[in-house]
Amino acid sequence: MAGPRKIGSYNVSFNTPPDTLLVEYFNGSIWQTWDTFNGAPAGTLSIRNPADVLATGVRYTASNTGPQLGERLRLNEIQVLLDGTDPVGITDGYNWFTDSGRVSSTGNSVDGGPWDGRSGDANTLRNNSYTNGDELKSQNVNTDRAFVRYSFSDPARADFGVFGGTNGQGWENFEVYTANGALPATQALVANDSASIISAGWTLQLFKGPGVVGGFSPFQFDFLQPGVWDHLLVVFDTQAPSMNELEIYAVPEPTSIALLGVGLVGLLRFRARRSR
């Protein structure tokens, strides 16, 4: 984690659950046991509330014994949540996009004009779920593009982001835009190409062309114009593969982006957030 933090609970989900699970925390010098139990949950996330600890890292060890010995284990997701008394700043190195108080409103494309509807909605990319079935995609055939949109309760700094999907999924041909001030048009547009979206008042932050990303490993991108923004828009082509999550990070100085990005693979499924 980005410095010692007081952590108070965690959620864990296995697709193939182990017999036993050991969760440890690093106190700055040694690893210590934080939680251990038998019969780790499968499917939906299950919250655990061991004693609060001050830690710089968390790791887990899963194992099978008896009839399941040798069977493959598959972790869907582990989330580590900070204690509610440990405040998190937007530039502290954590994904702020899941903060329930950060997003004030959302919007989703519907069939009509140049847009398709979708399976999943704006909340799909920020609801902390990586389980199968909770995914964002558009497979309609009326047109060829869909969108999800977010407005922030306060202007929020964005420097880089990470998209992620389950194994074998992901997207190609998609974009990310931001805007300030009044919310620019989306559903009312008569065309959905990037030039038309920019002309409506959106600022292009990512243009990803052919080649599926995000399904086998996290897809990190730098905002083309990092800064403080009021709105965010994700536009994607009609396609069968899906995306599950978008994370957004802010750093105090743009020169810190590359350094912080080293830990993104772990952060995609290991997110420290303020407990609510």
Protein backbone atom coordinates (compact mmCIF):
# COMPACT_ATOMS: atom_id res chain seq x y z
CA MET A 1 0.00 0.00 0.00
CA ALA A 2 1.01 3.62 -0.36
CA GLY A 3 2.36 3.94 3.20
CA PRO A 4 1.21 2.44 6.53
CA ARG A 5 -2.58 2.48 6.84
CA LYS A 6 -5.09 1.29 9.43
CA ILE A 7 -7.04 -1.54 7.83
CA GLY A 8 -10.18 -2.92 9.39
CA SER A 9 -11.83 -5.49 7.10
CA TYR A 10 -11.57 -7.31 3.82
CA ASN A 11 -13.76 -9.07 1.26
CA VAL A 12 -12.69 -12.24 -0.53
CA SER A 13 -14.22 -14.31 -3.32
CA PHE A 14 -13.00 -17.54 -4.89
CA ASN A 15 -14.36 -19.16 -8.02
CA THR A 16 -12.88 -22.45 -6.83
CA PRO A 17 -12.74 -22.14 -3.03
CA PRO A 18 -9.89 -23.55 -0.92
CA ASP A 19 -10.26 -25.57 2.27
CA THR A 20 -8.29 -23.04 4.29
CA LEU A 21 -7.28 -19.42 3.96
CA LEU A 22 -4.53 -17.56 5.82
CA VAL A 23 -4.43 -13.75 5.54
CA GLU A 24 -1.34 -11.92 6.82
CA TYR A 25 -0.37 -8.26 7.10
CA PHE A 26 3.06 -6.65 6.91
CA ASN A 27 3.74 -4.30 9.83
CA GLY A 28 6.83 -2.74 8.28
CA SER A 29 9.29 -5.40 9.39
CA ILE A 30 7.62 -8.84 9.46
CA TRP A 31 4.51 -10.63 8.22
CA GLN A 32 1.97 -11.41 10.94
CA THR A 33 -1.24 -13.45 10.95
CA TRP A 34 -4.33 -11.29 10.55
CA ASP A 35 -7.04 -13.86 9.90
CA THR A 36 -7.39 -17.58 9.24
CA PHE A 37 -10.42 -19.77 8.66
CA ASN A 38 -11.64 -22.94 6.97
CA GLY A 39 -14.06 -23.15 4.10
CA ALA A 40 -13.29 -19.97 2.14
CA PRO A 41 -16.42 -18.67 0.38
CA ALA A 42 -17.13 -19.18 -3.30
CA GLY A 43 -18.97 -16.83 -5.62
CA THR A 44 -20.04 -13.59 -3.97
CA LEU A 45 -17.70 -11.57 -1.82
CA SER A 46 -17.80 -12.34 1.88
CA ILE A 47 -16.68 -9.69 4.35
CA ARG A 48 -14.34 -10.53 7.21
CA ASN A 49 -13.72 -8.25 10.18
CA PRO A 50 -10.60 -9.23 12.12
CA ALA A 51 -8.98 -6.76 14.52
CA ASP A 52 -7.81 -3.44 13.06
CA VAL A 53 -4.10 -3.41 12.22
CA LEU A 54 -1.57 -0.87 10.95
CA ALA A 55 -0.04 -2.33 7.80
CA THR A 56 1.83 -1.60 4.61
CA GLY A 57 0.76 -4.78 2.83
CA VAL A 58 -1.54 -7.79 2.91
CA ARG A 59 -1.08 -11.27 1.47
CA TYR A 60 -3.09 -14.49 1.48
CA THR A 61 -2.23 -18.20 1.37
CA ALA A 62 -4.92 -20.64 0.23
CA SER A 63 -4.61 -24.42 0.39
CA ASN A 64 -6.56 -27.62 -0.14
CA THR A 65 -6.32 -30.86 1.81
CA GLY A 66 -8.09 -34.19 1.76
CA PRO A 67 -10.29 -34.95 -1.28
CA GLN A 68 -9.51 -31.55 -2.87
CA LEU A 69 -5.73 -31.93 -2.63
CA GLY A 70 -4.15 -30.85 -5.90
CA GLU A 71 -7.23 -29.12 -7.29
CA ARG A 72 -6.70 -25.74 -8.87
CA LEU A 73 -7.68 -22.67 -6.83
CA ARG A 74 -8.93 -19.50 -8.49
CA LEU A 75 -9.30 -16.18 -6.71
CA ASN A 76 -11.92 -13.83 -8.12
CA GLU A 77 -11.04 -10.86 -5.97
CA ILE A 78 -9.74 -9.66 -2.64
CA GLN A 79 -10.53 -6.17 -1.37
CA VAL A 80 -8.86 -4.62 1.66
CA LEU A 81 -10.74 -1.72 3.25
CA LEU A 82 -9.31 0.96 5.47
CA ASP A 83 -10.79 1.66 8.87
CA GLY A 84 -13.32 4.49 8.77
CA THR A 85 -11.12 6.60 11.04
CA ASP A 86 -8.26 6.58 8.50
CA PRO A 87 -9.10 9.22 5.88
CA VAL A 88 -7.90 8.81 2.31
CA GLY A 89 -6.81 11.74 0.16
CA ILE A 90 -7.48 11.65 -3.56
CA THR A 91 -3.73 11.74 -4.29
CA ASP A 92 -2.79 9.05 -1.75
CA GLY A 93 -2.35 6.40 -4.42
CA TYR A 94 -5.71 4.61 -4.23
CA ASN A 95 -8.50 4.10 -6.72
CA TRP A 96 -10.91 6.95 -5.87
CA PHE A 97 -13.48 6.01 -8.53
CA THR A 98 -15.33 3.60 -6.21
CA ASP A 99 -15.88 6.22 -3.48
CA SER A 100 -19.65 6.34 -2.98
CA GLY A 101 -19.58 10.08 -2.36
CA ARG A 102 -17.46 10.95 -5.39
CA VAL A 103 -19.95 10.22 -8.20
CA SER A 104 -23.14 12.27 -8.01
CA SER A 105 -24.93 11.00 -11.12
CA THR A 106 -24.53 8.56 -13.99
CA GLY A 107 -25.93 8.07 -17.48
CA ASN A 108 -26.19 5.13 -19.89
CA SER A 109 -26.82 4.91 -23.61
CA VAL A 110 -30.15 3.54 -24.80
CA ASP A 111 -31.23 2.36 -28.25
CA GLY A 112 -31.85 5.38 -30.42
CA GLY A 113 -30.03 7.74 -32.74
CA PRO A 114 -26.41 6.64 -33.13
CA TRP A 115 -26.36 4.65 -29.87
CA ASP A 116 -26.99 1.12 -28.65
CA GLY A 117 -28.19 0.02 -25.26
CA ARG A 118 -25.94 -2.10 -23.08
CA SER A 119 -25.75 -5.10 -20.80
CA GLY A 120 -24.60 -3.66 -17.48
CA ASP A 121 -24.52 0.05 -16.73
CA ALA A 122 -22.29 2.83 -15.43
CA ASN A 123 -22.21 1.30 -11.96
CA THR A 124 -20.76 -1.95 -13.33
CA LEU A 125 -17.34 -0.35 -13.77
CA ARG A 126 -17.15 0.95 -10.20
CA ASN A 127 -19.04 -1.47 -7.95
CA ASN A 128 -16.04 -3.56 -6.78
CA SER A 129 -17.34 -6.76 -8.35
CA TYR A 130 -15.27 -9.05 -10.55
CA THR A 131 -17.65 -12.01 -10.54
CA ASN A 132 -18.97 -13.45 -13.79
CA GLY A 133 -22.25 -11.95 -14.92
CA ASP A 134 -21.43 -8.48 -13.60
CA GLU A 135 -20.04 -7.04 -16.81
CA LEU A 136 -20.43 -4.14 -19.21
CA LYS A 137 -20.86 -4.80 -22.92
CA SER A 138 -23.13 -4.09 -25.89
CA GLN A 139 -24.17 -6.81 -28.31
CA ASN A 140 -27.01 -5.02 -30.08
CA VAL A 141 -26.97 -4.73 -33.85
CA ASN A 142 -28.92 -1.49 -34.39
CA THR A 143 -25.81 0.68 -34.51
CA ASP A 144 -22.28 0.12 -33.34
CA ARG A 145 -21.50 2.06 -30.14
CA ALA A 146 -22.62 2.52 -26.53
CA PHE A 147 -21.57 4.72 -23.60
CA VAL A 148 -21.62 5.14 -19.82
CA ARG A 149 -21.25 8.56 -18.20
CA TYR A 150 -20.34 9.93 -14.76
CA SER A 151 -20.62 13.33 -13.07
CA PHE A 152 -18.66 14.05 -9.90
CA SER A 153 -19.98 15.71 -6.77
CA ASP A 154 -16.77 17.79 -6.65
CA PRO A 155 -14.19 18.28 -9.40
CA ALA A 156 -11.79 15.33 -9.22
CA ARG A 157 -8.20 14.98 -10.37
CA ALA A 158 -7.46 12.16 -12.82
CA ASP A 159 -3.96 11.21 -13.96
CA PHE A 160 -4.22 7.60 -15.06
CA GLY A 161 -6.67 4.73 -15.10
CA VAL A 162 -6.90 0.94 -15.32
CA PHE A 163 -9.50 -1.18 -17.13
CA GLY A 164 -9.99 -4.84 -16.23
CA GLY A 165 -12.16 -7.76 -17.26
CA THR A 166 -12.34 -11.44 -16.45
CA ASN A 167 -10.05 -13.91 -18.18
CA GLY A 168 -10.79 -14.10 -21.91
CA GLN A 169 -12.87 -10.89 -21.96
CA GLY A 170 -11.81 -7.25 -22.50
CA TRP A 171 -12.48 -4.58 -25.12
CA GLU A 172 -11.07 -3.06 -28.27
CA ASN A 173 -12.05 0.19 -30.00
CA PHE A 174 -13.07 2.34 -27.05
CA GLU A 175 -12.41 5.83 -25.71
CA VAL A 176 -12.41 7.83 -22.49
CA TYR A 177 -13.39 11.51 -22.38
CA THR A 178 -13.71 14.16 -19.67
CA ALA A 179 -15.41 17.56 -19.46
CA ASN A 180 -15.79 20.54 -17.15
CA GLY A 181 -18.71 22.85 -16.51
CA ALA A 182 -22.11 22.03 -17.98
CA LEU A 183 -22.58 18.39 -18.98
CA PRO A 184 -22.00 18.06 -22.75
CA ALA A 185 -24.46 16.17 -24.94
CA THR A 186 -24.21 12.39 -25.35
CA GLN A 187 -27.49 10.57 -26.13
CA ALA A 188 -28.70 13.54 -28.18
CA LEU A 189 -25.71 13.46 -30.54
CA VAL A 190 -26.44 12.64 -34.17
CA ALA A 191 -23.09 10.86 -34.66
CA ASN A 192 -20.93 8.82 -32.29
CA ASP A 193 -17.47 9.13 -33.82
CA SER A 194 -14.71 10.68 -31.74
CA ALA A 195 -14.68 13.96 -33.70
CA SER A 196 -18.41 14.47 -33.06
CA ILE A 197 -18.01 13.72 -29.35
CA ILE A 198 -15.14 16.18 -29.04
CA SER A 199 -17.13 18.83 -30.94
CA ALA A 200 -19.90 18.44 -28.34
CA GLY A 201 -17.51 19.60 -25.62
CA TRP A 202 -15.77 16.42 -24.45
CA THR A 203 -11.98 16.18 -24.07
CA LEU A 204 -10.34 12.99 -25.36
CA GLN A 205 -8.26 11.18 -22.72
CA LEU A 206 -7.82 7.73 -24.30
CA PHE A 207 -8.29 6.43 -27.83
CA LYS A 208 -7.85 2.64 -27.97
CA GLY A 209 -8.12 1.09 -31.41
CA PRO A 210 -8.12 -2.56 -32.56
CA GLY A 211 -6.72 -5.26 -30.30
CA VAL A 212 -8.55 -6.58 -27.23
CA VAL A 213 -7.09 -5.47 -23.89
CA GLY A 214 -8.07 -5.86 -20.26
CA GLY A 215 -9.11 -9.52 -20.33
CA PHE A 216 -5.86 -11.31 -19.55
CA SER A 217 -4.12 -8.56 -17.62
CA PRO A 218 -5.06 -5.03 -16.47
CA PHE A 219 -4.90 -2.30 -19.12
CA GLN A 220 -3.28 0.85 -17.77
CA PHE A 221 -3.52 4.18 -19.56
CA ASP A 222 -2.37 7.73 -18.85
CA PHE A 223 -4.88 10.54 -19.31
CA LEU A 224 -3.83 12.57 -22.36
CA GLN A 225 -4.71 15.74 -20.46
CA PRO A 226 -4.44 14.93 -16.74
CA GLY A 227 -6.13 17.41 -14.48
CA VAL A 228 -9.28 18.19 -12.49
CA TRP A 229 -12.58 17.28 -14.15
CA ASP A 230 -16.34 17.40 -13.53
CA HIS A 231 -17.51 14.60 -15.86
CA LEU A 232 -16.20 11.38 -17.40
CA LEU A 233 -17.47 9.45 -20.42
CA VAL A 234 -16.58 5.93 -21.65
CA VAL A 235 -17.59 5.08 -25.23
CA PHE A 236 -17.16 1.56 -26.62
CA ASP A 237 -17.97 -0.43 -29.75
CA THR A 238 -20.61 -3.12 -29.92
CA GLN A 239 -18.73 -6.34 -29.17
CA ALA A 240 -19.23 -9.64 -27.38
CA PRO A 241 -16.32 -9.35 -24.90
CA SER A 242 -16.94 -7.32 -21.77
CA MET A 243 -15.23 -5.14 -19.18
CA ASN A 244 -15.79 -5.34 -15.42
CA GLU A 245 -13.96 -2.46 -13.87
CA LEU A 246 -12.45 0.98 -14.32
CA GLU A 247 -10.12 2.43 -11.71
CA ILE A 248 -8.94 6.05 -11.66
CA TYR A 249 -5.94 7.40 -9.78
CA ALA A 250 -4.59 10.85 -9.01
CA VAL A 251 -1.02 11.70 -8.11
CA PRO A 252 0.45 14.97 -6.81
CA GLU A 253 2.85 15.35 -9.74
CA PRO A 254 2.63 13.94 -13.26
CA THR A 255 6.21 12.62 -12.93
CA SER A 256 4.95 10.16 -10.32
CA ILE A 257 2.68 8.32 -12.77
CA ALA A 258 5.25 5.80 -14.02
CA LEU A 259 6.51 5.04 -10.53
CA LEU A 260 3.05 4.42 -9.07
CA GLY A 261 2.04 2.35 -12.08
CA VAL A 262 4.45 -0.42 -11.07
CA GLY A 263 1.97 -1.69 -8.49
CA LEU A 264 -1.18 -1.52 -10.60
CA VAL A 265 -1.50 -5.23 -11.32
CA GLY A 266 -1.88 -5.88 -7.64
CA LEU A 267 -4.07 -2.87 -7.01
CA LEU A 268 -6.62 -3.95 -9.58
CA ARG A 269 -7.76 -6.75 -7.32
CA PHE A 270 -6.34 -5.39 -4.09
CA ARG A 271 -7.92 -2.04 -3.42
CA ALA A 272 -7.72 -0.10 -0.21
CA ARG A 273 -10.85 1.92 0.40
CA ARG A 274 -12.47 3.71 3.25
CA SER A 275 -15.03 1.48 4.95
CA ARG A 276 -18.57 2.78 5.03
